[in-house]
Amino acid sequence: MAPIRLCAIDLDGTLLRDDGTVSPRSLAAIERAHQVGVEIVLATGRPWIIARHTVAEIDARSFVITTNGGLTVRPPDWEEFHGYWLELDDAVHF
């Protein structure tokens, strides 16, 4: 069996507790994963501006997929890696 190299984690209802925080146990597991070389990718429907608090809390070092897949940012400067945005006319049509 190949070693685990990447772990993608959702925020709401998965990583975050009801109060919006990450448990000490989850933080320790993420740190241990970092130590053994597992890449942690956060994925969330939240916009980047809201997700960035959790990104800082867990010391995210890899891609963060936000806005329901519409925006992906990457370290170290957290600039946009990939973005897909609907044109206004397309959004109004739906």
N, C-alpha and C. Protein backbone atom coordinates (compact mmCIF):
# COMPACT_ATOMS: atom_id res chain seq x y z
N MET A 1 0.84 -1.18 0.00
CA MET A 1 0.00 0.00 0.00
C MET A 1 0.89 1.24 0.00
N ALA A 2 0.58 2.19 -0.87
CA ALA A 2 1.37 3.42 -0.97
C ALA A 2 1.11 4.32 0.24
N PRO A 3 2.10 5.08 0.65
CA PRO A 3 1.89 5.99 1.79
C PRO A 3 0.94 7.12 1.41
N ILE A 4 0.26 7.62 2.39
CA ILE A 4 -0.64 8.76 2.17
C ILE A 4 0.21 9.99 1.91
N ARG A 5 -0.07 10.70 0.81
CA ARG A 5 0.71 11.88 0.46
C ARG A 5 -0.11 13.17 0.55
N LEU A 6 -1.45 13.04 0.52
CA LEU A 6 -2.30 14.22 0.54
C LEU A 6 -3.59 13.90 1.29
N CYS A 7 -4.05 14.87 2.06
CA CYS A 7 -5.32 14.74 2.77
C CYS A 7 -6.10 16.03 2.54
N ALA A 8 -7.26 15.92 1.90
CA ALA A 8 -8.13 17.07 1.68
C ALA A 8 -9.20 17.07 2.76
N ILE A 9 -9.39 18.21 3.39
CA ILE A 9 -10.30 18.30 4.53
C ILE A 9 -11.30 19.43 4.30
N ASP A 10 -12.57 19.11 4.45
CA ASP A 10 -13.63 20.10 4.42
C ASP A 10 -13.65 20.83 5.77
N LEU A 11 -14.18 22.04 5.78
CA LEU A 11 -14.24 22.79 7.03
C LEU A 11 -15.54 22.55 7.80
N ASP A 12 -16.64 23.06 7.28
CA ASP A 12 -17.91 23.01 8.01
C ASP A 12 -18.45 21.60 8.14
N GLY A 13 -18.67 21.19 9.38
CA GLY A 13 -19.19 19.86 9.64
C GLY A 13 -18.14 18.77 9.61
N THR A 14 -16.91 19.12 9.36
CA THR A 14 -15.83 18.13 9.31
C THR A 14 -14.70 18.55 10.24
N LEU A 15 -13.90 19.54 9.83
CA LEU A 15 -12.78 19.98 10.66
C LEU A 15 -13.22 20.91 11.78
N LEU A 16 -14.17 21.79 11.49
CA LEU A 16 -14.59 22.79 12.48
C LEU A 16 -15.65 22.24 13.42
N ARG A 17 -15.50 22.60 14.69
CA ARG A 17 -16.52 22.26 15.67
C ARG A 17 -17.69 23.23 15.53
N ASP A 18 -18.73 23.01 16.28
CA ASP A 18 -19.93 23.86 16.20
C ASP A 18 -19.63 25.32 16.47
N ASP A 19 -18.61 25.59 17.29
CA ASP A 19 -18.27 26.98 17.61
C ASP A 19 -17.29 27.60 16.62
N GLY A 20 -16.97 26.87 15.54
CA GLY A 20 -16.10 27.40 14.49
C GLY A 20 -14.62 27.24 14.75
N THR A 21 -14.26 26.51 15.80
CA THR A 21 -12.85 26.31 16.12
C THR A 21 -12.41 24.89 15.75
N VAL A 22 -11.10 24.70 15.73
CA VAL A 22 -10.52 23.39 15.47
C VAL A 22 -10.10 22.81 16.81
N SER A 23 -10.43 21.57 17.07
CA SER A 23 -10.10 20.96 18.35
C SER A 23 -8.59 20.75 18.48
N PRO A 24 -8.10 20.73 19.72
CA PRO A 24 -6.68 20.44 19.93
C PRO A 24 -6.27 19.09 19.34
N ARG A 25 -7.15 18.10 19.40
CA ARG A 25 -6.86 16.78 18.84
C ARG A 25 -6.68 16.87 17.32
N SER A 26 -7.55 17.62 16.65
CA SER A 26 -7.41 17.79 15.20
C SER A 26 -6.15 18.57 14.84
N LEU A 27 -5.86 19.61 15.62
CA LEU A 27 -4.62 20.37 15.38
C LEU A 27 -3.39 19.48 15.50
N ALA A 28 -3.39 18.62 16.51
CA ALA A 28 -2.26 17.70 16.71
C ALA A 28 -2.15 16.71 15.55
N ALA A 29 -3.28 16.21 15.07
CA ALA A 29 -3.27 15.27 13.95
C ALA A 29 -2.75 15.94 12.68
N ILE A 30 -3.15 17.18 12.45
CA ILE A 30 -2.67 17.92 11.28
C ILE A 30 -1.17 18.16 11.39
N GLU A 31 -0.71 18.53 12.56
CA GLU A 31 0.73 18.76 12.75
C GLU A 31 1.51 17.47 12.53
N ARG A 32 0.98 16.36 13.02
CA ARG A 32 1.66 15.07 12.82
C ARG A 32 1.70 14.73 11.33
N ALA A 33 0.62 15.01 10.62
CA ALA A 33 0.60 14.76 9.17
C ALA A 33 1.66 15.61 8.48
N HIS A 34 1.77 16.88 8.88
CA HIS A 34 2.82 17.75 8.32
C HIS A 34 4.20 17.12 8.56
N GLN A 35 4.42 16.62 9.77
CA GLN A 35 5.73 16.07 10.14
C GLN A 35 6.12 14.87 9.31
N VAL A 36 5.15 14.08 8.88
CA VAL A 36 5.48 12.87 8.10
C VAL A 36 5.33 13.12 6.60
N GLY A 37 5.13 14.38 6.22
CA GLY A 37 5.14 14.73 4.81
C GLY A 37 3.81 14.66 4.08
N VAL A 38 2.71 14.57 4.82
CA VAL A 38 1.40 14.56 4.19
C VAL A 38 0.99 16.00 3.89
N GLU A 39 0.60 16.23 2.67
CA GLU A 39 0.15 17.55 2.25
C GLU A 39 -1.31 17.70 2.66
N ILE A 40 -1.63 18.75 3.41
CA ILE A 40 -2.99 19.03 3.86
C ILE A 40 -3.58 20.10 2.96
N VAL A 41 -4.70 19.78 2.33
CA VAL A 41 -5.41 20.72 1.47
C VAL A 41 -6.77 20.97 2.11
N LEU A 42 -7.10 22.23 2.33
CA LEU A 42 -8.43 22.56 2.84
C LEU A 42 -9.34 22.83 1.66
N ALA A 43 -10.58 22.37 1.78
CA ALA A 43 -11.59 22.60 0.74
C ALA A 43 -12.87 23.05 1.43
N THR A 44 -13.44 24.14 0.94
CA THR A 44 -14.62 24.68 1.59
C THR A 44 -15.48 25.47 0.62
N GLY A 45 -16.72 25.55 0.94
CA GLY A 45 -17.62 26.40 0.19
C GLY A 45 -17.50 27.86 0.61
N ARG A 46 -16.84 28.08 1.73
CA ARG A 46 -16.70 29.45 2.25
C ARG A 46 -15.84 30.31 1.32
N PRO A 47 -16.11 31.61 1.29
CA PRO A 47 -15.22 32.51 0.56
C PRO A 47 -13.86 32.57 1.27
N TRP A 48 -12.82 32.90 0.52
CA TRP A 48 -11.47 32.98 1.06
C TRP A 48 -11.39 33.92 2.26
N ILE A 49 -12.03 35.04 2.18
CA ILE A 49 -11.95 36.05 3.25
C ILE A 49 -12.42 35.47 4.59
N ILE A 50 -13.36 34.53 4.55
CA ILE A 50 -13.86 33.90 5.77
C ILE A 50 -13.01 32.68 6.15
N ALA A 51 -12.55 31.93 5.17
CA ALA A 51 -11.78 30.71 5.43
C ALA A 51 -10.37 31.01 5.95
N ARG A 52 -9.86 32.18 5.69
CA ARG A 52 -8.45 32.45 6.03
C ARG A 52 -8.17 32.37 7.52
N HIS A 53 -9.16 32.58 8.38
CA HIS A 53 -8.94 32.45 9.83
C HIS A 53 -8.55 31.00 10.16
N THR A 54 -9.28 30.04 9.61
CA THR A 54 -8.98 28.64 9.86
C THR A 54 -7.64 28.26 9.25
N VAL A 55 -7.34 28.80 8.08
CA VAL A 55 -6.06 28.55 7.42
C VAL A 55 -4.92 28.96 8.34
N ALA A 56 -5.05 30.11 8.97
CA ALA A 56 -4.01 30.58 9.90
C ALA A 56 -3.96 29.69 11.15
N GLU A 57 -5.12 29.28 11.64
CA GLU A 57 -5.18 28.48 12.87
C GLU A 57 -4.47 27.14 12.72
N ILE A 58 -4.59 26.51 11.56
CA ILE A 58 -3.95 25.20 11.39
C ILE A 58 -2.59 25.29 10.72
N ASP A 59 -2.12 26.50 10.45
CA ASP A 59 -0.83 26.68 9.79
C ASP A 59 -0.80 25.95 8.45
N ALA A 60 -1.83 26.22 7.64
CA ALA A 60 -1.94 25.58 6.33
C ALA A 60 -0.73 25.92 5.48
N ARG A 61 -0.20 24.92 4.82
CA ARG A 61 1.02 25.10 4.01
C ARG A 61 0.81 24.72 2.56
N SER A 62 -0.41 24.37 2.22
CA SER A 62 -0.69 23.90 0.88
C SER A 62 -1.89 24.64 0.31
N PHE A 63 -2.35 24.17 -0.80
CA PHE A 63 -3.48 24.80 -1.47
C PHE A 63 -4.71 24.86 -0.57
N VAL A 64 -5.49 25.89 -0.78
CA VAL A 64 -6.78 26.03 -0.11
C VAL A 64 -7.81 26.29 -1.19
N ILE A 65 -8.78 25.39 -1.29
CA ILE A 65 -9.83 25.50 -2.30
C ILE A 65 -11.04 26.13 -1.61
N THR A 66 -11.48 27.29 -2.09
CA THR A 66 -12.56 28.02 -1.45
C THR A 66 -13.66 28.34 -2.44
N THR A 67 -14.69 29.00 -1.94
CA THR A 67 -15.78 29.52 -2.76
C THR A 67 -16.38 28.40 -3.63
N ASN A 68 -16.65 27.26 -2.99
CA ASN A 68 -17.22 26.10 -3.70
C ASN A 68 -16.41 25.70 -4.92
N GLY A 69 -15.09 25.80 -4.83
CA GLY A 69 -14.22 25.42 -5.93
C GLY A 69 -13.92 26.56 -6.89
N GLY A 70 -14.48 27.73 -6.64
CA GLY A 70 -14.29 28.86 -7.54
C GLY A 70 -12.94 29.54 -7.41
N LEU A 71 -12.27 29.36 -6.28
CA LEU A 71 -10.99 30.02 -6.06
C LEU A 71 -10.05 29.08 -5.31
N THR A 72 -8.85 28.93 -5.84
CA THR A 72 -7.81 28.17 -5.17
C THR A 72 -6.62 29.09 -4.95
N VAL A 73 -6.15 29.14 -3.71
CA VAL A 73 -4.98 29.96 -3.38
C VAL A 73 -3.88 29.03 -2.87
N ARG A 74 -2.65 29.53 -2.90
CA ARG A 74 -1.53 28.71 -2.45
C ARG A 74 -0.52 29.57 -1.69
N PRO A 75 0.23 28.92 -0.78
CA PRO A 75 1.25 29.64 -0.04
C PRO A 75 2.47 29.88 -0.90
N PRO A 76 3.42 30.68 -0.49
CA PRO A 76 3.43 31.32 0.83
C PRO A 76 2.70 32.65 0.88
N ASP A 77 2.37 33.22 -0.26
CA ASP A 77 1.73 34.55 -0.26
C ASP A 77 0.23 34.48 -0.40
N TRP A 78 -0.33 33.30 -0.57
CA TRP A 78 -1.76 33.06 -0.67
C TRP A 78 -2.40 33.80 -1.84
N GLU A 79 -1.64 33.92 -2.91
CA GLU A 79 -2.20 34.51 -4.12
C GLU A 79 -3.02 33.48 -4.87
N GLU A 80 -3.87 33.98 -5.75
CA GLU A 80 -4.75 33.11 -6.51
C GLU A 80 -3.94 32.18 -7.41
N PHE A 81 -4.21 30.90 -7.30
CA PHE A 81 -3.60 29.88 -8.16
C PHE A 81 -4.55 29.57 -9.32
N HIS A 82 -5.83 29.48 -8.98
CA HIS A 82 -6.85 29.19 -9.98
C HIS A 82 -8.15 29.85 -9.55
N GLY A 83 -8.82 30.48 -10.47
CA GLY A 83 -10.12 31.07 -10.17
C GLY A 83 -11.06 30.89 -11.34
N TYR A 84 -12.28 30.62 -11.02
CA TYR A 84 -13.31 30.51 -12.04
C TYR A 84 -14.49 31.33 -11.57
N TRP A 85 -14.81 32.35 -12.32
CA TRP A 85 -15.88 33.26 -11.93
C TRP A 85 -16.90 33.35 -13.05
N LEU A 86 -18.16 33.30 -12.69
CA LEU A 86 -19.22 33.48 -13.66
C LEU A 86 -19.29 34.93 -14.10
N GLU A 87 -19.53 35.12 -15.37
CA GLU A 87 -19.80 36.47 -15.86
C GLU A 87 -21.17 36.89 -15.33
N LEU A 88 -21.37 38.17 -15.13
CA LEU A 88 -22.62 38.67 -14.56
C LEU A 88 -23.82 38.21 -15.37
N ASP A 89 -23.72 38.29 -16.69
CA ASP A 89 -24.85 37.88 -17.54
C ASP A 89 -25.18 36.39 -17.33
N ASP A 90 -24.14 35.55 -17.17
CA ASP A 90 -24.37 34.12 -16.94
C ASP A 90 -25.03 33.89 -15.58
N ALA A 91 -24.56 34.59 -14.57
CA ALA A 91 -25.12 34.43 -13.22
C ALA A 91 -26.57 34.88 -13.17
N VAL A 92 -26.90 35.96 -13.83
CA VAL A 92 -28.28 36.48 -13.84
C VAL A 92 -29.18 35.51 -14.58
N HIS A 93 -28.64 34.87 -15.63
CA HIS A 93 -29.43 33.93 -16.43
C HIS A 93 -29.91 32.76 -15.59
N PHE A 94 -29.10 32.30 -14.65
CA PHE A 94 -29.47 31.17 -13.81
C PHE A 94 -30.39 31.62 -12.73
